N, C-alpha and C. Protein backbone atom coordinates (compact mmCIF):
# COMPACT_ATOMS: atom_id res chain seq x y z
N UNK A 1 -25.31 12.19 -2.82
CA UNK A 1 -24.00 11.61 -2.25
C UNK A 1 -23.42 12.17 -1.41
N UNK A 2 -23.25 11.25 0.12
CA UNK A 2 -22.20 11.57 0.97
C UNK A 2 -21.09 10.73 0.98
N UNK A 3 -19.85 11.16 0.75
CA UNK A 3 -18.35 10.48 0.55
C UNK A 3 -18.12 9.77 2.17
N UNK A 4 -18.06 8.17 1.73
CA UNK A 4 -17.16 7.67 2.92
C UNK A 4 -15.57 7.51 2.94
N UNK A 5 -15.04 8.43 3.75
CA UNK A 5 -13.37 8.11 3.80
C UNK A 5 -12.77 6.80 3.87
N UNK A 6 -12.49 6.53 3.01
CA UNK A 6 -11.87 4.89 2.45
C UNK A 6 -11.09 4.42 4.11
N UNK A 7 -10.44 5.31 4.38
CA UNK A 7 -9.43 5.21 5.74
C UNK A 7 -10.01 5.11 6.96
N UNK A 8 -11.01 5.92 7.22
CA UNK A 8 -12.16 6.20 8.28
C UNK A 8 -12.79 4.74 8.32
N UNK A 9 -13.41 4.14 7.03
CA UNK A 9 -14.19 3.25 6.89
C UNK A 9 -13.27 1.61 7.42
N UNK A 10 -12.03 1.40 6.97
CA UNK A 10 -11.06 0.18 6.89
C UNK A 10 -11.12 0.63 8.59
N UNK A 11 -10.45 1.74 9.25
CA UNK A 11 -9.97 1.55 10.77
C UNK A 11 -11.51 1.58 11.61
N UNK A 12 -12.53 1.75 11.59
CA UNK A 12 -13.48 1.35 12.19
C UNK A 12 -14.10 0.12 12.07
N UNK A 13 -13.70 -0.39 11.27
CA UNK A 13 -14.57 -1.39 10.62
C UNK A 13 -13.58 -2.70 10.93
N UNK A 14 -12.53 -2.55 10.45
CA UNK A 14 -11.36 -3.26 10.70
C UNK A 14 -11.36 -4.62 9.27
N UNK A 15 -10.20 -4.83 8.48
CA UNK A 15 -10.38 -5.83 7.79
C UNK A 15 -10.59 -7.26 8.03
N UNK A 16 -9.94 -8.03 9.42
CA UNK A 16 -10.03 -8.98 9.91
C UNK A 16 -11.78 -8.93 10.39
N UNK A 17 -12.24 -8.20 10.95
CA UNK A 17 -13.81 -8.56 11.28
C UNK A 17 -14.85 -8.42 10.16
N UNK A 18 -14.22 -7.77 9.13
CA UNK A 18 -14.95 -7.65 7.52
C UNK A 18 -15.10 -9.07 7.03
N UNK A 19 -13.65 -9.73 7.14
CA UNK A 19 -13.19 -11.35 6.73
C UNK A 19 -13.66 -11.96 7.67
N UNK A 20 -14.52 -11.92 8.74
CA UNK A 20 -14.82 -12.57 9.88
C UNK A 20 -13.81 -13.59 10.43
N UNK A 21 -12.53 -13.21 10.14
CA UNK A 21 -11.53 -14.21 10.51
C UNK A 21 -11.42 -14.03 12.17
N UNK A 22 -11.42 -12.50 12.55
CA UNK A 22 -11.36 -12.51 13.77
C UNK A 22 -11.77 -11.14 14.51
N UNK A 23 -12.77 -11.08 15.72
CA UNK A 23 -13.45 -10.08 16.21
C UNK A 23 -12.24 -8.55 16.41
N UNK A 24 -12.65 -7.94 16.08
CA UNK A 24 -11.86 -6.59 16.80
C UNK A 24 -11.77 -6.29 18.21
N UNK A 25 -10.47 -6.49 18.90
CA UNK A 25 -10.61 -6.66 20.53
C UNK A 25 -11.26 -5.18 21.03
N UNK A 26 -10.74 -4.46 20.43
CA UNK A 26 -11.16 -3.13 20.86
C UNK A 26 -11.55 -1.98 20.00
N UNK A 27 -12.84 -1.09 20.05
CA UNK A 27 -12.92 -0.22 18.91
C UNK A 27 -11.97 0.89 19.56
N UNK A 28 -11.52 1.15 20.57
CA UNK A 28 -10.54 1.92 21.39
C UNK A 28 -9.73 1.98 20.52
N UNK A 29 -9.24 0.65 19.91
CA UNK A 29 -7.68 0.82 18.57
C UNK A 29 -7.86 1.60 17.91
N UNK A 30 -9.12 2.27 17.61
CA UNK A 30 -9.23 2.97 15.97
C UNK A 30 -9.49 4.72 16.37
N UNK A 31 -9.25 4.60 17.40
CA UNK A 31 -9.79 6.10 18.04
C UNK A 31 -8.71 6.79 17.37
N UNK A 32 -8.43 8.45 17.40
CA UNK A 32 -7.21 9.19 17.00
C UNK A 32 -6.71 9.46 18.00
N UNK A 33 -5.17 9.73 17.87
CA UNK A 33 -4.43 10.37 19.02
C UNK A 33 -4.95 11.34 19.16
N UNK A 34 -5.07 11.64 20.52
CA UNK A 34 -5.01 13.46 21.29
C UNK A 34 -4.22 13.32 22.41
N UNK A 35 -3.40 14.68 22.38
CA UNK A 35 -2.73 14.63 23.41
C UNK A 35 -3.00 14.37 24.55
N UNK A 36 -1.76 13.22 25.71
CA UNK A 36 -2.14 12.44 26.55
C UNK A 36 -3.52 11.42 27.25
N UNK A 37 -3.67 11.29 25.44
CA UNK A 37 -4.57 10.12 25.70
C UNK A 37 -3.90 8.89 25.88
N UNK A 38 -2.98 8.91 25.69
CA UNK A 38 -1.95 7.30 25.68
C UNK A 38 -2.55 6.26 24.51
N UNK A 39 -3.33 6.99 23.77
CA UNK A 39 -3.61 5.87 22.66
C UNK A 39 -2.48 5.65 21.23
N UNK A 40 -2.02 4.31 21.67
CA UNK A 40 -0.62 4.54 21.05
C UNK A 40 -1.14 3.59 19.66
N UNK A 41 -1.79 2.69 19.55
CA UNK A 41 -2.23 2.48 18.14
C UNK A 41 -3.46 2.89 16.95
N UNK A 42 -3.19 2.94 16.19
CA UNK A 42 -4.10 3.96 15.12
C UNK A 42 -4.77 2.86 14.36
N UNK A 43 -4.83 1.95 13.82
CA UNK A 43 -5.31 0.94 13.39
C UNK A 43 -5.15 -0.35 13.74
N UNK A 44 -6.06 -1.51 13.82
CA UNK A 44 -5.96 -2.80 13.48
C UNK A 44 -6.17 -3.62 15.01
N UNK A 45 -6.07 -4.49 14.92
CA UNK A 45 -5.32 -5.33 14.45
C UNK A 45 -6.09 -5.79 13.04
N UNK A 46 -5.20 -6.45 12.44
CA UNK A 46 -5.91 -7.05 11.25
C UNK A 46 -5.30 -7.85 10.42
N UNK A 47 -5.79 -9.52 9.81
CA UNK A 47 -5.05 -10.67 9.37
C UNK A 47 -4.88 -10.46 7.89
N UNK A 48 -3.96 -11.10 7.34
CA UNK A 48 -3.48 -10.96 6.15
C UNK A 48 -2.61 -12.38 5.81
N UNK A 49 -2.75 -12.93 4.66
CA UNK A 49 -1.65 -13.79 3.72
C UNK A 49 -2.19 -15.44 4.83
N UNK A 50 -3.40 -15.71 5.02
CA UNK A 50 -3.62 -16.76 6.14
C UNK A 50 -2.74 -17.96 4.89
N UNK A 51 -2.39 -19.09 5.57
CA UNK A 51 -2.06 -20.11 4.86
C UNK A 51 -2.15 -21.46 5.99
N UNK A 52 -1.93 -22.46 5.44
CA UNK A 52 -2.33 -23.37 6.66
C UNK A 52 -1.58 -23.84 7.77
N UNK A 53 -0.12 -23.38 7.78
CA UNK A 53 0.79 -23.08 8.53
C UNK A 53 1.10 -21.49 9.04
N UNK A 54 0.66 -20.77 8.66
CA UNK A 54 1.09 -19.34 8.87
C UNK A 54 -0.46 -18.42 8.84
N UNK A 55 -0.26 -16.89 9.63
CA UNK A 55 -0.80 -16.26 9.84
C UNK A 55 -0.15 -14.76 10.14
N UNK A 56 -0.17 -13.51 9.35
CA UNK A 56 0.63 -12.20 9.25
C UNK A 56 -0.98 -11.57 10.23
N UNK A 57 -0.58 -10.55 11.14
CA UNK A 57 -0.77 -9.95 11.97
C UNK A 57 -0.50 -8.89 11.69
N UNK A 58 -1.27 -7.30 11.41
CA UNK A 58 -0.79 -6.51 11.24
C UNK A 58 -1.28 -5.12 12.01
N UNK A 59 -0.92 -4.34 11.96
CA UNK A 59 -1.77 -2.66 12.74
C UNK A 59 -0.43 -1.47 12.28
N UNK A 60 -1.30 -0.38 12.89
CA UNK A 60 -0.49 0.50 12.56
C UNK A 60 -0.52 1.18 13.62
N UNK A 61 0.89 1.80 14.28
CA UNK A 61 0.84 2.55 15.57
C UNK A 61 0.72 4.15 15.37
N UNK A 62 0.62 4.95 16.29
CA UNK A 62 1.16 6.45 15.81
C UNK A 62 2.49 6.92 15.98
N UNK A 63 3.19 6.23 16.83
CA UNK A 63 4.27 6.84 16.60
C UNK A 63 5.63 5.55 16.21
N UNK A 64 6.78 5.23 16.05
CA UNK A 64 7.44 4.27 16.37
C UNK A 64 7.62 3.67 17.07
N UNK A 65 7.58 2.06 16.80
CA UNK A 65 7.37 1.27 18.09
C UNK A 65 8.78 -0.32 17.76
N UNK A 66 8.88 -0.73 18.92
CA UNK A 66 9.02 -1.96 18.83
C UNK A 66 7.78 -2.86 19.40
N UNK A 67 7.68 -3.87 18.17
CA UNK A 67 6.45 -4.52 18.48
C UNK A 67 6.62 -6.16 18.66
N UNK A 68 5.48 -6.43 19.15
CA UNK A 68 5.62 -8.25 19.15
C UNK A 68 3.87 -8.55 19.13
N UNK A 69 3.77 -10.11 18.81
CA UNK A 69 2.53 -10.77 18.83
C UNK A 69 2.82 -11.55 20.04
N UNK A 70 1.71 -12.03 20.95
CA UNK A 70 1.55 -12.79 21.83
C UNK A 70 0.96 -13.94 21.74
N UNK A 71 0.63 -14.88 21.41
CA UNK A 71 -0.59 -15.98 21.08
C UNK A 71 -0.17 -17.30 21.41
N UNK A 72 -1.29 -18.10 21.17
CA UNK A 72 -1.17 -19.45 22.11
C UNK A 72 -2.67 -20.37 21.30
N UNK A 73 -2.35 -21.35 22.31
CA UNK A 73 -3.91 -22.40 21.50
C UNK A 73 -5.08 -21.82 22.75
N UNK A 74 -4.97 -21.41 23.93
CA UNK A 74 -6.00 -20.97 24.76
C UNK A 74 -6.08 -19.66 25.07
N UNK A 75 -6.96 -19.21 25.12
CA UNK A 75 -7.22 -17.38 25.30
C UNK A 75 -6.01 -17.03 26.52
N UNK A 76 -6.57 -18.00 27.86
CA UNK A 76 -5.46 -17.32 28.54
C UNK A 76 -4.32 -17.79 29.11
N UNK A 77 -3.98 -18.28 27.97
CA UNK A 77 -2.22 -18.63 28.16
C UNK A 77 -1.63 -18.73 26.61
N UNK A 78 -1.54 -17.01 26.22
CA UNK A 78 -0.47 -16.72 24.58
C UNK A 78 0.78 -16.92 25.49
N UNK A 79 1.54 -18.25 25.40
CA UNK A 79 2.75 -18.48 25.83
C UNK A 79 3.95 -18.14 24.75
N UNK A 80 3.51 -17.95 23.51
CA UNK A 80 4.39 -17.71 22.21
C UNK A 80 4.59 -15.85 21.91
N UNK A 81 5.90 -16.15 21.43
CA UNK A 81 5.95 -14.74 21.22
C UNK A 81 6.76 -14.61 19.61
N UNK A 82 6.14 -13.45 19.14
CA UNK A 82 6.98 -13.46 17.85
C UNK A 82 6.79 -12.30 17.39
N UNK A 83 8.47 -11.61 16.34
CA UNK A 83 8.62 -10.41 16.30
C UNK A 83 9.29 -10.14 14.87
N UNK A 84 8.97 -9.41 14.15
CA UNK A 84 9.23 -9.21 12.89
C UNK A 84 10.92 -9.11 13.10
N UNK A 85 12.05 -10.15 11.96
CA UNK A 85 12.80 -9.94 11.49
C UNK A 85 13.64 -10.41 10.57
N UNK A 86 14.81 -9.65 10.21
CA UNK A 86 15.02 -9.83 9.13
C UNK A 86 16.66 -9.49 8.95
N UNK A 87 17.80 -10.97 8.51
CA UNK A 87 18.84 -11.22 8.53
C UNK A 87 19.39 -11.02 9.94
N UNK A 88 18.84 -11.65 10.89
CA UNK A 88 18.88 -11.61 12.15
C UNK A 88 18.58 -10.37 12.93
N UNK A 89 18.35 -9.67 12.43
CA UNK A 89 17.84 -8.19 13.24
C UNK A 89 16.60 -7.95 13.46
N UNK A 90 16.36 -8.11 15.03
CA UNK A 90 14.82 -7.28 15.19
C UNK A 90 14.36 -5.89 14.28
N UNK A 91 13.12 -6.35 14.02
CA UNK A 91 12.29 -4.81 13.26
C UNK A 91 12.05 -3.77 14.59
N UNK A 92 12.68 -2.53 14.27
CA UNK A 92 11.90 -1.38 14.89
C UNK A 92 11.76 -0.18 14.87
N UNK A 93 11.38 0.55 15.28
CA UNK A 93 11.19 1.67 14.94
C UNK A 93 10.26 1.83 13.82
N UNK A 94 9.27 1.21 13.85
CA UNK A 94 8.03 1.60 12.42
C UNK A 94 7.28 1.65 12.83
N UNK A 95 5.86 2.33 12.35
CA UNK A 95 4.21 2.21 12.75
C UNK A 95 3.40 1.22 11.92
N UNK A 96 4.09 1.10 10.88
CA UNK A 96 3.62 -0.22 10.20
C UNK A 96 4.05 -1.15 10.49
N UNK A 97 3.62 -2.21 11.54
CA UNK A 97 3.70 -3.48 12.07
C UNK A 97 3.50 -4.76 10.94
N UNK A 98 3.96 -6.02 10.67
CA UNK A 98 3.52 -7.00 9.86
C UNK A 98 4.67 -7.87 11.08
N UNK A 99 3.38 -9.05 11.32
CA UNK A 99 4.30 -10.30 12.14
C UNK A 99 3.81 -11.46 11.45
N UNK A 100 4.13 -12.22 11.10
CA UNK A 100 4.42 -13.59 10.47
C UNK A 100 3.94 -14.46 11.48
N UNK A 101 2.97 -15.24 12.04
CA UNK A 101 3.40 -16.46 13.22
C UNK A 101 3.59 -17.61 12.54
N UNK A 102 4.48 -18.26 12.57
CA UNK A 102 4.65 -19.40 11.61
C UNK A 102 4.21 -20.80 12.49
N UNK A 103 4.50 -22.10 12.06
CA UNK A 103 4.86 -23.44 12.41
C UNK A 103 3.26 -23.67 12.87
N UNK A 104 2.03 -22.82 12.75
CA UNK A 104 1.26 -23.47 12.93
C UNK A 104 0.47 -24.27 12.70
N UNK A 105 -0.61 -24.74 13.41
CA UNK A 105 -1.34 -27.04 12.97
C UNK A 105 -2.29 -25.91 11.74
N UNK A 106 -2.74 -26.79 11.11
CA UNK A 106 -3.79 -26.54 9.74
C UNK A 106 -4.94 -26.47 10.67
N UNK A 107 -6.47 -25.46 9.69
CA UNK A 107 -7.31 -26.37 10.63
C UNK A 107 -7.68 -25.93 12.44
N UNK A 108 -7.05 -25.16 12.91
CA UNK A 108 -6.45 -25.18 14.66
C UNK A 108 -6.92 -23.32 14.68
N UNK A 109 -7.77 -23.32 15.48
CA UNK A 109 -7.96 -21.66 16.34
C UNK A 109 -6.67 -21.55 17.03
N UNK A 110 -6.15 -20.50 17.20
CA UNK A 110 -5.55 -19.63 17.47
C UNK A 110 -5.62 -17.99 18.33
N UNK A 111 -5.14 -17.80 19.65
CA UNK A 111 -5.99 -16.82 20.12
C UNK A 111 -4.56 -15.83 20.03
N UNK A 112 -4.26 -14.64 20.06
CA UNK A 112 -3.58 -13.81 19.89
C UNK A 112 -3.54 -12.37 20.79
N UNK A 113 -2.54 -11.82 20.87
CA UNK A 113 -2.97 -10.00 21.23
C UNK A 113 -1.54 -9.62 20.53
N UNK A 114 -2.12 -8.03 20.16
CA UNK A 114 -0.67 -7.38 19.74
C UNK A 114 -0.12 -6.35 20.88
N UNK A 115 1.49 -6.45 20.71
CA UNK A 115 2.19 -5.38 21.57
C UNK A 115 2.60 -4.65 21.34
N UNK A 116 2.88 -3.39 21.48
CA UNK A 116 4.10 -2.44 20.87
C UNK A 116 4.28 -1.35 22.06
N UNK A 117 5.92 -0.89 21.89
CA UNK A 117 6.32 -0.23 22.83
C UNK A 117 6.87 0.90 22.33
N UNK A 118 6.55 2.14 22.32
CA UNK A 118 6.91 3.56 21.52
C UNK A 118 8.35 3.24 22.17
N UNK A 119 9.42 3.94 21.19
CA UNK A 119 10.09 4.46 21.17
C UNK A 119 10.33 5.72 21.29
N UNK A 120 11.08 5.91 22.22
CA UNK A 120 11.17 7.64 22.50
C UNK A 120 12.17 8.16 21.72
N UNK A 121 13.02 7.15 22.18
CA UNK A 121 14.64 7.90 21.65
C UNK A 121 15.48 6.58 20.86
N UNK A 122 16.13 6.43 19.73
CA UNK A 122 16.65 5.65 18.73
C UNK A 122 18.16 5.88 18.54
N UNK A 123 18.75 5.76 18.94
CA UNK A 123 20.58 6.64 19.37
C UNK A 123 21.32 5.25 19.35
N UNK A 124 22.51 5.49 18.15
CA UNK A 124 23.54 4.52 18.57
C UNK A 124 23.75 4.25 20.62
N UNK A 125 23.95 2.94 20.91
CA UNK A 125 23.79 2.81 21.80
C UNK A 125 22.93 3.17 23.14
N UNK A 126 21.86 4.20 22.29
CA UNK A 126 20.89 4.23 23.62
C UNK A 126 19.81 4.38 23.05
N UNK A 127 18.93 3.44 23.56
CA UNK A 127 17.38 3.12 23.21
C UNK A 127 16.69 3.62 24.48
N UNK A 128 15.89 4.65 23.84
CA UNK A 128 15.09 4.82 25.64
C UNK A 128 13.29 4.59 24.98
N UNK A 129 12.83 3.43 26.03
CA UNK A 129 11.51 3.17 25.68
C UNK A 129 10.40 3.97 26.28
N UNK A 130 9.18 4.09 25.81
CA UNK A 130 8.08 4.49 26.59
C UNK A 130 6.81 3.99 26.69
N UNK A 131 5.68 4.80 26.23
CA UNK A 131 4.46 3.94 26.85
C UNK A 131 4.32 2.72 25.95
N UNK A 132 3.73 1.47 26.29
CA UNK A 132 3.72 0.67 25.79
C UNK A 132 1.80 0.33 26.05
N UNK A 133 1.76 -0.85 24.97
CA UNK A 133 0.45 -1.28 24.78
C UNK A 133 -0.02 -2.33 24.83
N UNK A 134 -0.37 -2.89 25.12
CA UNK A 134 -1.06 -4.64 24.58
C UNK A 134 -2.48 -5.00 24.43
N UNK A 135 -3.16 -5.20 23.34
CA UNK A 135 -4.40 -5.23 22.87
C UNK A 135 -4.86 -6.26 23.77
N UNK A 136 -6.41 -6.43 23.46
CA UNK A 136 -7.52 -7.18 23.93
C UNK A 136 -7.06 -8.60 22.99
N UNK A 137 -7.79 -9.53 23.40
CA UNK A 137 -7.08 -10.78 23.46
C UNK A 137 -8.15 -10.99 21.68
N UNK A 138 -7.93 -11.74 20.38
CA UNK A 138 -8.85 -12.11 19.68
C UNK A 138 -8.18 -13.56 18.75
N UNK A 139 -9.04 -14.00 17.96
CA UNK A 139 -8.66 -15.05 18.07
C UNK A 139 -8.49 -15.30 15.95
N UNK A 140 -8.20 -16.70 15.24
CA UNK A 140 -8.60 -16.65 13.89
C UNK A 140 -8.48 -18.27 13.68
N UNK A 141 -8.64 -18.97 13.05
CA UNK A 141 -8.23 -20.01 12.64
C UNK A 141 -7.52 -20.32 11.25
N UNK A 142 -6.46 -21.44 11.37
CA UNK A 142 -5.56 -21.53 10.13
C UNK A 142 -6.67 -21.98 9.55
N UNK A 143 -6.09 -21.95 7.61
CA UNK A 143 -6.71 -22.92 6.78
C UNK A 143 -6.14 -24.15 6.68
N UNK A 144 -7.42 -25.00 6.72
CA UNK A 144 -7.49 -26.47 6.17
C UNK A 144 -7.09 -26.85 4.74
N UNK A 145 -6.72 -27.39 3.99
CA UNK A 145 -6.08 -27.91 3.03
C UNK A 145 -7.37 -28.66 2.75
N UNK A 146 -7.89 -29.50 3.41
CA UNK A 146 -8.68 -30.65 3.22
C UNK A 146 -10.19 -30.16 3.59
N UNK A 147 -10.15 -28.84 4.18
CA UNK A 147 -11.57 -28.43 3.79
C UNK A 147 -12.80 -28.59 3.14
N UNK A 148 -13.99 -28.72 3.18
CA UNK A 148 -14.76 -29.18 2.05
C UNK A 148 -15.02 -27.68 1.31
N UNK A 149 -15.10 -26.69 2.35
CA UNK A 149 -15.58 -24.96 1.67
C UNK A 149 -14.87 -23.97 2.42
N UNK A 150 -14.71 -22.81 1.54
CA UNK A 150 -14.07 -21.68 2.41
C UNK A 150 -14.51 -20.51 1.93
N UNK A 151 -14.67 -19.27 2.61
CA UNK A 151 -15.43 -18.28 2.36
C UNK A 151 -14.82 -17.38 3.02
N UNK A 152 -14.49 -16.31 1.88
CA UNK A 152 -13.73 -15.04 2.01
C UNK A 152 -14.14 -13.64 1.69
N UNK A 153 -13.56 -12.67 1.55
CA UNK A 153 -13.92 -11.39 1.39
C UNK A 153 -12.74 -11.01 0.67
N UNK A 154 -13.11 -10.64 0.02
CA UNK A 154 -11.99 -9.88 -1.12
C UNK A 154 -12.76 -8.01 -0.95
N UNK A 155 -11.20 -6.56 -0.91
CA UNK A 155 -11.84 -5.36 -0.10
C UNK A 155 -10.42 -5.07 -1.20
N UNK A 156 -11.16 -4.17 -2.05
CA UNK A 156 -10.05 -3.15 -3.20
C UNK A 156 -10.29 -1.94 -2.39
N UNK A 157 -9.33 -1.74 -2.14
CA UNK A 157 -9.27 -0.03 -2.07
C UNK A 157 -9.20 0.60 -3.57
N UNK A 158 -10.32 1.40 -3.26
CA UNK A 158 -11.05 2.49 -4.98
C UNK A 158 -10.40 4.07 -4.62
N UNK A 159 -9.49 4.27 -3.91
CA UNK A 159 -8.60 5.05 -3.87
C UNK A 159 -9.65 6.39 -4.23
N UNK A 160 -10.44 6.24 -2.99
CA UNK A 160 -12.08 7.71 -3.24
C UNK A 160 -12.45 7.75 -4.43
N UNK A 161 -12.69 6.94 -5.24
CA UNK A 161 -13.48 6.91 -6.22
C UNK A 161 -14.84 5.88 -6.27
N UNK A 162 -15.50 6.36 -5.77
CA UNK A 162 -16.91 5.33 -5.57
C UNK A 162 -17.84 5.24 -7.14
N UNK A 163 -17.48 6.22 -8.19
CA UNK A 163 -18.22 5.60 -9.10
C UNK A 163 -17.54 4.44 -9.74
N UNK A 164 -16.35 3.68 -9.08
CA UNK A 164 -15.79 2.49 -9.86
C UNK A 164 -16.51 1.61 -9.00
N UNK A 165 -17.41 2.00 -7.99
CA UNK A 165 -18.07 0.42 -7.41
C UNK A 165 -19.08 -0.19 -8.40
N UNK A 166 -19.81 -0.07 -9.68
CA UNK A 166 -19.94 -0.83 -10.66
C UNK A 166 -18.92 -1.48 -11.58
N UNK A 167 -18.23 -1.26 -11.86
CA UNK A 167 -17.33 -1.92 -12.37
C UNK A 167 -16.91 -3.18 -11.44
């Protein structure tokens, strides 16, 4: 039996696409970074922690970046911007990005795209940006507490142990 590399599987299919929450904007996002190609995003975007008024967008970049999500109620009008912050400080110089969109309306469709800017140099009083990336537009629908039904997918990390499938 041929073994499936779980990281390649997740990055090729994308968690959001598997869950039916959002189409992946581009499979180019999942390609390995080769010298000179300019591909900044390693994996994603994918969605997690859906709530009636919130959704978390996650992705991974090859290099440390400053990242944000542009979103809105119409595909061509991504007028709102969210970024991760803690204690009033914007999170930057990360490769794993998790940005929670808040104050969303329940049961409503939203459109979004991920954006990242590579940080070439991160020194006191000197921040140098490099390559920038803006993903394609994707969408999701927030949960509605009064919905009569819901469907979801549970994906468990088997840590490369396919013998655990029957369990």
